[in-house]
């Protein structure tokens, strides 16, 4: 996989489009051929699920959570996440 439709690289940053699944029984990041789904246990109230998504991405990619920010859809299931200082290749390596 040399690219993914949910990933867009702009300079030193990557934008990731995801579908969030709060209140899940599992914590998991699932890359399919066309989508990225992130499952977290936390509820969406008071941004708890958003924080859990950032924490899970940080751990999965081994990058600082301060370099990850939800830039679109903070109150929606469909979100766009900005990740600073990372390349798409690093993300794709983790998904295989």
Protein backbone atom coordinates (compact mmCIF):
# COMPACT_ATOMS: atom_id res chain seq x y z
CA UNK A 1 0.00 0.00 0.00
CA UNK A 2 1.80 3.16 -1.17
CA UNK A 3 -1.00 5.57 -0.27
CA UNK A 4 -4.41 5.62 1.37
CA UNK A 5 -7.47 7.73 0.45
CA UNK A 6 -7.89 8.85 4.09
CA UNK A 7 -4.36 10.30 4.28
CA UNK A 8 -3.16 13.59 2.79
CA UNK A 9 0.40 14.82 3.26
CA UNK A 10 1.10 18.56 3.23
CA UNK A 11 4.74 19.38 3.87
CA UNK A 12 5.73 18.01 7.28
CA UNK A 13 2.11 17.35 8.27
CA UNK A 14 -0.44 14.64 7.54
CA UNK A 15 -4.21 14.99 7.59
CA UNK A 16 -6.11 11.82 8.45
CA UNK A 17 -9.84 11.44 7.87
CA UNK A 18 -11.44 8.97 10.28
CA UNK A 19 -14.77 7.65 11.44
CA UNK A 20 -15.01 7.59 15.24
CA UNK A 21 -16.82 4.87 17.17
CA UNK A 22 -17.22 6.01 20.81
CA UNK A 23 -18.69 3.76 23.53
CA UNK A 24 -17.12 0.74 21.87
CA UNK A 25 -16.23 -2.45 23.69
CA UNK A 26 -12.72 -2.25 22.21
CA UNK A 27 -9.93 0.25 21.58
CA UNK A 28 -8.72 -0.24 18.06
CA UNK A 29 -7.63 1.48 14.85
CA UNK A 30 -8.81 -0.28 11.70
CA UNK A 31 -7.41 0.64 8.29
CA UNK A 32 -9.50 -0.81 5.46
CA UNK A 33 -8.84 -0.17 1.75
CA UNK A 34 -10.84 3.06 1.79
CA UNK A 35 -11.54 4.07 5.39
CA UNK A 36 -10.00 4.44 8.82
CA UNK A 37 -12.19 3.57 11.80
CA UNK A 38 -11.15 4.30 15.37
CA UNK A 39 -12.92 2.55 18.23
CA UNK A 40 -12.65 3.86 21.79
CA UNK A 41 -14.38 2.95 25.06
CA UNK A 42 -15.05 6.53 26.13
CA UNK A 43 -18.29 8.41 25.55
CA UNK A 44 -18.46 11.52 23.37
CA UNK A 45 -19.55 13.74 26.29
CA UNK A 46 -17.19 16.59 27.18
CA UNK A 47 -14.68 15.53 24.50
CA UNK A 48 -13.71 12.31 26.29
CA UNK A 49 -13.84 10.23 23.08
CA UNK A 50 -11.80 12.83 21.18
CA UNK A 51 -9.09 12.75 23.84
CA UNK A 52 -9.10 8.95 23.74
CA UNK A 53 -8.75 9.00 19.93
CA UNK A 54 -5.73 11.30 20.17
CA UNK A 55 -4.17 9.15 22.89
CA UNK A 56 -4.74 5.94 20.89
CA UNK A 57 -3.27 7.46 17.70
CA UNK A 58 -0.30 8.76 19.68
CA UNK A 59 0.43 5.32 21.09
CA UNK A 60 -0.18 3.55 17.76
CA UNK A 61 2.14 5.87 15.80
CA UNK A 62 4.63 6.41 18.63
CA UNK A 63 4.39 10.20 18.39
CA UNK A 64 3.61 12.87 20.96
CA UNK A 65 -0.09 13.48 21.59
CA UNK A 66 0.66 17.22 21.46
CA UNK A 67 1.45 16.84 17.74
CA UNK A 68 -2.07 15.48 17.05
CA UNK A 69 -5.11 17.74 16.78
CA UNK A 70 -8.69 17.28 15.61
CA UNK A 71 -9.16 20.11 13.10
CA UNK A 72 -12.61 19.24 11.75
CA UNK A 73 -15.59 17.34 13.14
CA UNK A 74 -14.89 17.54 16.86
CA UNK A 75 -18.62 16.94 17.49
CA UNK A 76 -19.14 14.55 14.59
CA UNK A 77 -18.32 10.89 13.97
CA UNK A 78 -16.40 11.89 10.84
CA UNK A 79 -13.26 13.78 11.83
CA UNK A 80 -10.16 15.23 10.20
CA UNK A 81 -7.04 14.93 12.31
CA UNK A 82 -3.83 16.90 11.81
CA UNK A 83 -0.61 15.15 12.74
CA UNK A 84 2.49 17.35 12.75
CA UNK A 85 5.99 16.18 11.88
CA UNK A 86 5.09 12.77 10.47
CA UNK A 87 5.14 11.24 7.00
CA UNK A 88 2.50 9.04 5.37
CA UNK A 89 5.07 6.28 4.93
CA UNK A 90 5.51 6.04 8.72
CA UNK A 91 1.74 5.66 9.17
CA UNK A 92 1.41 3.09 6.39
CA UNK A 93 4.25 1.02 7.87
CA UNK A 94 2.24 0.73 11.10
CA UNK A 95 -0.87 -0.50 9.27
CA UNK A 96 0.70 -3.50 7.60
